[in-house]
């Protein structure tokens, strides 16, 4: 496997591992342009209480800011940017990456609940010129991080709501 691909994925895994420690879904992501990391992303859904703050979306915001600061055309930058992410982008993120005409998406494990690169929905099929995708890079490692997260307790998850009638029935038992 390409040593640069492994290097960028390693950085994504470092970010994901930090997220596991912070109680976020352990997804790490890096955007690489001109053989340099232009953005490092992590999920910040629990931290921000904003369900759209996925690692890829956070990276997109960073690249847009970098383009403004360096006076670069964002369209040109994204078209030459490769995305390395530990978990298959969800439908929302996959659509965003395709809309931006990213050069390539590389990811670790499949996302059985929300995957937009073919697992749940093949977002690429909606585009005339879909983004090339490489899947399964260090898949077992990515899956292990997710399993560690879901085996633990997410302190930021909403409490389940029990219907009042059911609650009364439980109290009388």
Foldseek 3Di string as FASTA:
>chain_A
DDPLLVVQLVLQQVQLVVVLVVLHQRKWKFKAAPSHTQFIFAACCLVVVPVVRHRLVRRLVSLVVVCVVVVHDQLVRQLRIEMEMAEADFLVSQLVSQVSNHQEYEYAAYDCPGHQCPNVHNNQVVDPDGHHYHYNDNNVSSVVSNVSSVVDDRPSDDDDDDDPVVVVVVVVD
